[in-house]
Protein backbone atom coordinates (compact mmCIF):
# COMPACT_ATOMS: atom_id res chain seq x y z
CA MET A 1 0.00 0.00 0.00
CA LYS A 2 1.54 3.29 -1.12
CA PHE A 3 1.10 6.47 0.91
CA ASN A 4 -0.15 9.51 -1.03
CA TYR A 5 -0.41 12.87 0.76
CA GLY A 6 -2.58 14.36 -1.98
CA LYS A 7 -5.15 11.58 -1.73
CA ILE A 8 -5.30 11.96 2.06
CA PHE A 9 -5.92 15.72 1.75
CA LEU A 10 -8.78 15.02 -0.68
CA LEU A 11 -10.21 12.41 1.66
CA GLY A 12 -10.03 15.06 4.37
CA PHE A 13 -12.91 16.88 2.68
CA GLY A 14 -15.18 14.13 4.02
CA PHE A 15 -14.17 14.92 7.58
CA PHE A 16 -14.30 18.63 6.70
CA GLY A 17 -18.00 18.26 5.88
CA VAL A 18 -18.73 16.32 9.06
CA SER A 19 -16.88 18.91 11.15
CA VAL A 20 -18.69 21.89 9.62
CA LEU A 21 -22.09 20.42 10.42
CA TRP A 22 -21.36 19.35 14.00
CA SER A 23 -19.55 22.58 14.85
CA ILE A 24 -22.47 24.73 13.73
CA TYR A 25 -24.93 22.34 15.39
CA ASN A 26 -23.13 22.38 18.76
CA ALA A 27 -22.60 26.15 18.71
CA PHE A 28 -26.10 27.34 17.82
CA VAL A 29 -28.69 24.64 18.53
CA PRO A 30 -28.32 25.17 22.35
CA ILE A 31 -29.05 28.87 21.77
CA PHE A 32 -32.23 28.00 19.82
CA LEU A 33 -33.32 25.60 22.56
CA ALA A 34 -32.76 28.17 25.33
CA GLU A 35 -34.03 31.33 23.61
CA ARG A 36 -36.58 30.11 21.05
CA PHE A 37 -38.11 27.19 22.96
CA GLY A 38 -37.24 28.11 26.59
CA LEU A 39 -35.69 24.78 27.60
CA ALA A 40 -33.90 24.42 30.97
CA PRO A 41 -30.17 23.48 31.02
CA ALA A 42 -30.85 19.84 31.96
CA TRP A 43 -33.22 19.47 29.00
CA ILE A 44 -30.74 21.20 26.69
CA GLY A 45 -28.07 18.75 27.85
CA PHE A 46 -30.41 15.85 27.07
CA PHE A 47 -31.33 17.26 23.66
CA MET A 48 -27.67 17.71 22.76
CA THR A 49 -27.12 13.99 23.35
CA LEU A 50 -29.84 12.83 20.93
CA ASP A 51 -27.35 12.85 18.04
CA ASN A 52 -25.16 10.53 20.05
CA LEU A 53 -28.03 8.21 20.96
CA ALA A 54 -28.67 7.81 17.23
CA ALA A 55 -24.97 7.28 16.58
CA LEU A 56 -24.70 4.77 19.43
CA PHE A 57 -27.05 2.33 17.72
CA ILE A 58 -26.11 3.06 14.10
CA GLN A 59 -22.40 3.89 13.74
CA PRO A 60 -20.79 0.70 15.18
CA PRO A 61 -23.00 -1.73 13.17
CA VAL A 62 -22.55 0.42 10.05
CA GLY A 63 -18.76 0.18 10.50
CA ALA A 64 -18.94 -3.61 10.64
CA TRP A 65 -21.42 -3.67 7.72
CA SER A 66 -19.09 -1.55 5.59
CA ASP A 67 -16.25 -4.05 6.22
CA LYS A 68 -18.38 -6.77 4.64
CA LEU A 69 -20.05 -4.75 1.85
CA ARG A 70 -18.88 -5.23 -1.73
CA SER A 71 -20.17 -2.85 -4.42
CA PRO A 72 -18.90 -1.45 -7.75
CA ILE A 73 -17.99 1.83 -6.00
CA GLY A 74 -16.44 0.25 -2.91
CA ARG A 75 -17.36 -0.67 0.66
CA ARG A 76 -17.55 2.81 2.22
CA MET A 77 -18.73 5.06 -0.63
CA PRO A 78 -22.41 3.97 -0.81
CA PHE A 79 -22.96 5.12 2.78
CA ILE A 80 -21.45 8.53 2.01
CA LEU A 81 -23.51 9.08 -1.16
CA ILE A 82 -26.77 8.24 0.64
CA GLY A 83 -26.13 9.88 4.03
CA ALA A 84 -24.55 13.21 3.02
CA PRO A 85 -27.39 14.66 0.86
CA ILE A 86 -30.05 13.73 3.44
CA SER A 87 -27.94 15.35 6.17
CA ALA A 88 -27.53 18.55 4.14
CA LEU A 89 -31.26 18.87 3.48
CA ALA A 90 -32.31 18.31 7.11
CA PHE A 91 -29.60 20.65 8.38
CA GLY A 92 -30.78 23.49 6.16
CA ILE A 93 -34.33 23.32 7.54
CA ILE A 94 -33.35 23.38 11.26
CA PRO A 95 -32.99 27.18 11.68
CA VAL A 96 -36.37 27.95 10.09
CA ALA A 97 -38.30 25.36 12.14
CA ALA A 98 -40.52 27.62 14.24
CA VAL A 99 -42.24 24.94 16.34
CA LEU A 100 -40.54 22.35 18.52
CA PRO A 101 -42.03 19.20 16.85
CA LEU A 102 -40.73 20.29 13.41
CA PHE A 103 -37.39 21.25 14.96
CA VAL A 104 -37.13 17.79 16.54
CA ALA A 105 -38.12 16.09 13.26
CA CYS A 106 -35.36 17.93 11.36
CA THR A 107 -32.69 17.27 13.97
CA THR A 108 -33.69 13.59 14.21
CA THR A 109 -33.37 13.18 10.44
CA LEU A 110 -30.01 14.90 10.55
CA LEU A 111 -28.77 12.68 13.39
CA LEU A 112 -29.82 9.42 11.76
CA SER A 113 -28.35 10.32 8.36
CA MET A 114 -25.06 11.58 9.85
CA ALA A 115 -24.70 8.36 11.83
CA LEU A 116 -25.03 6.43 8.55
CA TRP A 117 -21.96 7.90 6.84
CA ARG A 118 -19.58 9.15 9.54
CA THR A 119 -17.88 5.81 10.36
CA PRO A 120 -17.39 4.78 6.69
CA VAL A 121 -15.79 8.12 5.75
CA VAL A 122 -13.38 7.88 8.70
CA ALA A 123 -12.60 4.20 7.98
CA LEU A 124 -11.48 5.20 4.48
CA MET A 125 -8.30 6.72 5.96
CA PRO A 126 -6.75 3.46 7.24
CA ASP A 127 -8.11 1.68 4.14
CA ILE A 128 -5.74 3.69 1.92
CA THR A 129 -2.89 4.29 4.41
CA PRO A 130 -0.12 1.94 5.64
CA SER A 131 0.09 1.44 9.42
CA ASN A 132 3.27 3.45 9.97
CA LYS A 133 1.73 6.54 8.31
CA ARG A 134 -1.69 6.51 9.99
CA SER A 135 -0.89 9.07 12.70
CA GLN A 136 0.38 11.45 10.01
CA ALA A 137 -2.64 10.72 7.81
CA ASN A 138 -5.01 11.24 10.73
CA GLY A 139 -3.27 14.55 11.32
CA ILE A 140 -4.10 15.58 7.75
CA ILE A 141 -7.71 14.38 8.08
CA ASN A 142 -8.15 16.32 11.32
CA PHE A 143 -6.38 19.32 9.80
CA MET A 144 -9.17 19.40 7.22
CA GLY A 145 -11.78 18.83 9.93
CA GLY A 146 -10.28 21.69 11.92
CA ILE A 147 -10.54 24.01 8.92
CA GLY A 148 -14.21 23.04 8.78
CA ALA A 149 -14.61 23.95 12.46
CA ILE A 150 -12.83 27.29 11.94
CA ILE A 151 -15.15 28.15 9.05
CA ALA A 152 -18.14 27.08 11.14
CA PHE A 153 -17.16 29.08 14.23
CA LEU A 154 -15.51 32.20 12.82
CA ILE A 155 -17.50 32.71 9.61
CA GLY A 156 -20.58 31.04 11.09
CA GLY A 157 -20.43 33.37 14.10
CA GLN A 158 -20.44 36.41 11.81
CA LEU A 159 -23.22 35.00 9.63
CA TYR A 160 -25.33 34.17 12.69
CA ALA A 161 -25.27 37.85 13.69
CA LYS A 162 -26.81 38.72 10.29
CA ASN A 163 -29.30 35.85 10.14
CA PRO A 164 -29.38 32.72 12.35
CA ALA A 165 -30.16 30.58 9.29
CA TYR A 166 -27.07 31.58 7.29
CA PRO A 167 -24.50 29.35 9.07
CA PHE A 168 -26.78 26.33 8.60
CA TRP A 169 -27.28 26.98 4.90
CA MET A 170 -23.54 27.44 4.48
CA GLY A 171 -23.01 24.08 6.20
CA SER A 172 -25.49 22.31 3.90
CA VAL A 173 -23.73 23.53 0.77
CA LEU A 174 -20.27 22.62 2.09
CA VAL A 175 -21.37 19.07 2.99
CA ILE A 176 -22.65 18.40 -0.53
CA VAL A 177 -19.47 19.80 -2.11
CA SER A 178 -17.26 17.80 0.29
CA ALA A 179 -19.04 14.49 -0.38
CA LEU A 180 -18.77 15.00 -4.15
CA LEU A 181 -15.03 15.73 -3.89
CA VAL A 182 -14.45 12.52 -1.93
CA PHE A 183 -16.50 10.49 -4.39
CA ILE A 184 -14.77 11.91 -7.47
CA PHE A 185 -11.16 11.91 -6.30
CA VAL A 186 -10.78 9.15 -3.69
CA LYS A 187 -10.84 5.62 -5.05
CA GLU A 188 -11.15 2.74 -2.61
CA PRO A 189 -8.84 -0.28 -2.93
CA LYS A 190 -10.29 -2.84 -5.32
CA ASP A 191 -8.90 -5.80 -3.42
CA PHE A 192 -9.92 -6.17 0.20
CA GLU A 193 -8.14 -8.35 2.71
CA ALA A 194 -10.51 -11.04 3.94
CA ALA A 195 -10.51 -11.71 7.66
CA LYS A 196 -10.13 -15.33 8.78
CA GLU A 197 -13.08 -14.62 11.02
CA GLN A 198 -15.37 -11.58 10.70
CA PRO A 199 -17.03 -11.04 14.11
CA ASN A 200 -19.76 -8.44 14.39
CA MET A 201 -19.49 -5.36 16.56
CA PHE A 202 -20.87 -7.04 19.69
CA SER A 203 -18.58 -10.04 19.30
CA SER A 204 -15.64 -7.67 18.89
CA LEU A 205 -16.66 -5.83 22.06
CA LYS A 206 -16.81 -9.13 23.94
CA GLU A 207 -13.37 -10.01 22.57
CA VAL A 208 -11.98 -6.69 23.82
CA TRP A 209 -13.50 -7.28 27.26
CA GLN A 210 -12.08 -10.81 27.56
CA ASP A 211 -8.62 -9.97 26.21
CA ASN A 212 -6.03 -10.85 28.89
CA ASP A 213 -3.84 -7.89 27.86
CA LYS A 214 -6.68 -5.37 28.47
CA SER A 215 -4.87 -2.75 26.36
CA ALA A 216 -7.83 -2.27 24.03
CA MET A 217 -10.29 -2.02 26.92
CA ARG A 218 -8.12 0.53 28.71
CA LEU A 219 -7.77 2.57 25.53
CA PHE A 220 -11.52 2.54 24.85
CA LEU A 221 -12.27 3.58 28.45
CA ALA A 222 -9.69 6.39 28.20
CA ILE A 223 -11.39 7.55 24.99
CA PHE A 224 -14.70 7.54 26.88
CA PHE A 225 -13.33 9.67 29.73
CA TRP A 226 -11.59 12.32 27.66
CA PHE A 227 -14.59 12.74 25.37
CA VAL A 228 -16.91 13.11 28.41
CA GLY A 229 -14.82 16.08 29.54
CA TYR A 230 -14.37 17.67 26.12
CA ASN A 231 -17.88 17.22 24.68
CA ALA A 232 -19.56 18.51 27.82
CA ILE A 233 -17.71 21.81 27.49
CA GLU A 234 -18.31 22.08 23.75
CA ALA A 235 -22.06 21.54 24.15
CA PHE A 236 -22.42 24.37 26.68
CA PHE A 237 -19.66 26.77 25.66
CA THR A 238 -21.81 29.38 23.90
CA LEU A 239 -24.17 29.43 26.90
CA TYR A 240 -21.09 29.65 29.19
CA ALA A 241 -19.89 32.67 27.19
CA VAL A 242 -23.30 34.36 27.47
CA ASN A 243 -24.11 33.55 31.11
CA HIS A 244 -20.67 33.43 32.81
CA LEU A 245 -18.51 35.74 30.72
CA GLY A 246 -21.25 38.21 29.74
CA LEU A 247 -20.48 37.96 26.01
CA SER A 248 -22.67 37.18 23.00
CA ALA A 249 -23.35 33.77 21.41
CA GLY A 250 -21.38 34.92 18.36
CA ASP A 251 -18.42 35.76 20.62
CA GLY A 252 -18.62 32.28 22.14
CA ALA A 253 -18.58 30.65 18.71
CA SER A 254 -15.63 32.80 17.65
CA MET A 255 -13.64 31.77 20.72
CA LEU A 256 -14.26 28.11 19.88
CA GLY A 257 -12.84 29.06 16.50
CA HIS A 258 -9.63 30.14 18.24
CA LEU A 259 -9.35 26.65 19.74
CA SER A 260 -10.02 25.10 16.34
CA LEU A 261 -7.37 27.28 14.68
CA LEU A 262 -4.60 25.97 16.93
CA PHE A 263 -5.99 22.44 16.57
CA VAL A 264 -5.63 22.80 12.81
CA ILE A 265 -2.12 24.24 13.00
CA PHE A 266 -0.99 21.50 15.37
CA ALA A 267 -2.89 18.58 13.75
CA LEU A 268 -0.13 17.77 11.26
CA ILE A 269 2.59 18.29 13.87
CA SER A 270 0.81 15.98 16.35
CA GLY A 271 0.79 13.15 13.84
CA PHE A 272 4.54 13.42 13.37
CA ILE A 273 5.12 13.69 17.13
CA GLY A 274 3.07 10.52 17.64
CA GLY A 275 5.09 8.77 14.95
CA ARG A 276 8.37 9.89 16.53
CA ILE A 277 7.93 9.47 20.33
CA GLY A 278 4.97 7.09 20.36
CA ARG A 279 1.21 7.54 20.39
CA ARG A 280 0.65 6.69 24.07
CA VAL A 281 3.19 9.24 25.34
CA THR A 282 1.84 11.93 23.00
CA ILE A 283 -1.77 11.37 24.07
CA SER A 284 -0.82 11.34 27.77
CA ALA A 285 1.01 14.68 27.47
CA GLY A 286 -2.04 16.19 25.78
CA LEU A 287 -4.36 14.99 28.55
CA ILE A 288 -2.31 16.62 31.31
CA LEU A 289 -1.97 19.89 29.37
CA LEU A 290 -5.71 20.04 28.64
CA ALA A 291 -6.61 19.32 32.31
CA VAL A 292 -4.38 22.18 33.48
CA LEU A 293 -5.78 24.66 30.94
CA ILE A 294 -9.43 23.88 31.68
CA GLY A 295 -8.73 24.07 35.43
CA THR A 296 -7.23 27.52 34.88
CA MET A 297 -10.46 28.65 33.19
CA PHE A 298 -12.36 27.58 36.31
CA VAL A 299 -10.06 29.50 38.66
CA LEU A 300 -9.73 32.82 36.80
CA PRO A 301 -12.51 35.43 37.32
CA PRO A 302 -14.87 36.04 34.37
CA ASP A 303 -13.78 39.67 33.91
CA VAL A 304 -10.17 38.51 33.53
CA LEU A 305 -11.10 35.72 31.09
CA ALA A 306 -13.22 38.08 28.98
CA SER A 307 -10.57 40.85 28.88
CA PRO A 308 -9.73 41.74 25.25
CA LEU A 309 -6.07 41.56 24.27
CA ALA A 310 -6.14 42.35 20.54
CA LYS A 311 -8.41 42.55 17.53
CA LEU A 312 -7.06 40.62 14.56
CA PRO A 313 -8.29 40.00 10.99
CA VAL A 314 -10.44 36.84 10.68
CA LEU A 315 -9.97 35.94 14.37
CA GLY A 316 -11.78 39.02 15.62
CA THR A 317 -11.31 39.91 19.30
CA VAL A 318 -8.68 37.78 21.05
CA ARG A 319 -9.32 37.58 24.81
CA VAL A 320 -7.46 36.04 27.76
CA ILE A 321 -9.65 32.94 27.54
CA SER A 322 -8.74 32.72 23.83
CA LEU A 323 -5.12 32.00 24.81
CA LEU A 324 -6.25 29.17 27.11
CA LEU A 325 -8.50 27.80 24.37
CA MET A 326 -5.64 27.97 21.86
CA GLY A 327 -3.52 25.92 24.24
CA GLY A 328 -6.49 23.57 24.51
CA GLY A 329 -6.48 23.22 20.72
CA ILE A 330 -2.84 22.09 20.83
CA ALA A 331 -3.56 19.61 23.65
CA TRP A 332 -6.65 18.26 21.87
CA ALA A 333 -4.60 17.72 18.71
CA LEU A 334 -2.03 15.65 20.66
CA ILE A 335 -4.86 13.49 22.01
CA ASN A 336 -7.27 13.24 19.11
CA ILE A 337 -4.86 12.80 16.20
CA ASN A 338 -3.19 9.73 17.70
CA SER A 339 -6.17 7.91 19.22
CA LEU A 340 -7.89 6.45 16.13
CA PRO A 341 -4.57 5.12 14.71
CA MET A 342 -3.99 3.36 18.07
CA VAL A 343 -7.41 1.73 17.83
CA VAL A 344 -7.14 0.45 14.25
CA ASP A 345 -3.58 -0.81 14.76
CA MET A 346 -4.81 -3.22 17.44
CA VAL A 347 -6.41 -5.45 14.78
CA GLU A 348 -5.81 -6.74 11.25
CA ASP A 349 -6.76 -4.46 8.37
CA ALA A 350 -9.85 -6.49 7.44
CA ARG A 351 -11.54 -5.38 10.69
CA ILE A 352 -10.69 -1.67 10.53
CA GLY A 353 -14.32 -0.64 10.02
CA THR A 354 -15.46 -2.75 12.98
CA PHE A 355 -12.90 -1.25 15.37
CA THR A 356 -13.55 2.24 13.97
CA GLY A 357 -17.16 1.55 14.95
CA LEU A 358 -16.03 0.57 18.47
CA TYR A 359 -14.05 3.82 18.67
CA TYR A 360 -17.26 5.70 17.90
CA LEU A 361 -19.24 3.52 20.31
CA PHE A 362 -17.15 4.71 23.26
CA SER A 363 -16.80 8.31 22.08
CA THR A 364 -20.56 8.39 21.47
CA LEU A 365 -21.35 7.02 24.93
CA ALA A 366 -19.14 9.81 26.27
CA ALA A 367 -20.93 12.40 24.17
CA ILE A 368 -24.22 11.17 25.64
CA ALA A 369 -22.95 11.21 29.23
CA GLY A 370 -21.03 14.50 29.09
CA PRO A 371 -23.78 17.03 28.26
CA ASN A 372 -26.24 15.23 30.57
CA ILE A 373 -23.80 15.22 33.50
CA ASN A 374 -22.96 18.86 32.99
CA GLY A 375 -26.54 19.92 32.28
CA TRP A 376 -27.56 18.60 35.71
CA ILE A 377 -24.47 20.09 37.39
CA ILE A 378 -25.32 23.51 35.93
CA GLN A 379 -28.95 23.21 36.98
CA LEU A 380 -28.15 21.96 40.50
CA SER A 381 -25.58 24.74 40.96
CA ASN A 382 -28.23 27.39 40.26
CA LYS A 383 -27.17 27.78 36.62
CA ASN A 384 -23.48 28.28 37.38
CA TYR A 385 -22.01 27.60 33.94
CA ASN A 386 -18.45 27.81 35.30
CA SER A 387 -19.03 24.48 37.10
CA ILE A 388 -18.39 22.60 33.84
CA MET A 389 -14.77 23.77 33.95
CA LEU A 390 -14.33 21.97 37.27
CA VAL A 391 -15.63 18.59 36.12
CA ALA A 392 -13.73 18.20 32.83
CA PRO A 393 -10.17 18.03 34.31
CA ILE A 394 -11.23 15.12 36.54
CA PHE A 395 -12.12 13.06 33.47
CA MET A 396 -8.85 14.01 31.73
CA VAL A 397 -6.83 12.76 34.72
CA ALA A 398 -8.82 9.49 34.75
CA ALA A 399 -8.05 9.02 31.04
CA PHE A 400 -4.35 9.72 31.71
CA ILE A 401 -4.24 6.96 34.36
CA LEU A 402 -5.88 4.48 31.98
CA MET A 403 -3.49 5.31 29.12
CA TRP A 404 -0.48 4.14 31.12
CA GLY A 405 -1.91 0.62 31.12
CA VAL A 406 -2.09 0.50 27.30
CA ARG A 407 0.63 -1.72 25.78
CA ARG A 408 -0.51 -2.02 22.15
CA GLY A 409 -1.60 0.28 19.32
CA GLU A 410 1.70 1.77 18.19
CA ALA A 411 2.56 1.74 14.46
CA LYS A 412 3.12 -1.74 13.04
CA VAL A 413 6.54 -2.60 11.67
CA VAL A 414 6.47 -2.54 7.87
CA ALA A 415 8.23 -5.56 6.38
């Protein structure tokens, strides 16, 4: 298998499209729920987990299904060509849904269709990449995803101020364009390695649980813990900006864009660091750094965090909290870029889709738990949105402890 940087960049448009949609969704749907429909924080937290409930039951089986599928256009591509257009259509209707039942119908359609194609588009990366280049390739993929998040947060934040529907319509168009670019320019391998045994997702989960080494189980639990901490903050950050920092929803989205910018810049570097010093060490360093930065946000007073430092082109106003978020983007790159390559390098190539599905099973469970945990914490603390910055570092430290029991998942030796 030959490594091609150009092909990986083109494949990155798939993750670009996914990232644009989820970034806009996470930034502005909580605002709609609070201001348009008057939902309490606990209910907002529950609503923001519905996408993950859909993904929980769809993404892992779809990953295993795509391993087995044989079609003239490949194993992964049919899911992308069906799921992406449906996602784009539903996403474009969300901001103009004036009543809650229609709003729920649109978001439910979006969540189901996104769950159909997210695992296959991610599994394409290891399909076309040799083991020793997967951290670097995942860096490129996430670089493209980070660009999508920057566009969503920075440009989306400006568009939202003009019309709340504009960021959503922009996202719909970009998803369609991204899916077409992947379909036209990325060709799946014609010959697929056949597994000696092809267990389904549940059998694979049982295998992970019963493995004497426990490396895979520790890694999946670590993934669960760090996503609980990260997703909980992301789901409530715009409301945190409004209610704790006294800023606007657009400001909150722009500050998430600052995090995404440093994630993008450091995505490629993180892949090379993981390839050089090892994936486990790189992830562990990122976890400690992220825990410290989030803890600092909890400690510093809101007027200090919101203090403007500079106004820059594209970035807009850079505040004290922006610097902490930028450091968080670097830490998140160290963690996120190297985790999927660790997962897929624990099994033979024929089961990449299945273990990619397991990766999303645990990250999805975390994305369900995180907003719910933090929604209740906010509500029980009399709507103190700063409380989420206290909980997240605890989960990062738990993930760090688990990572030091992982003994497999580094790059395979190429013969």
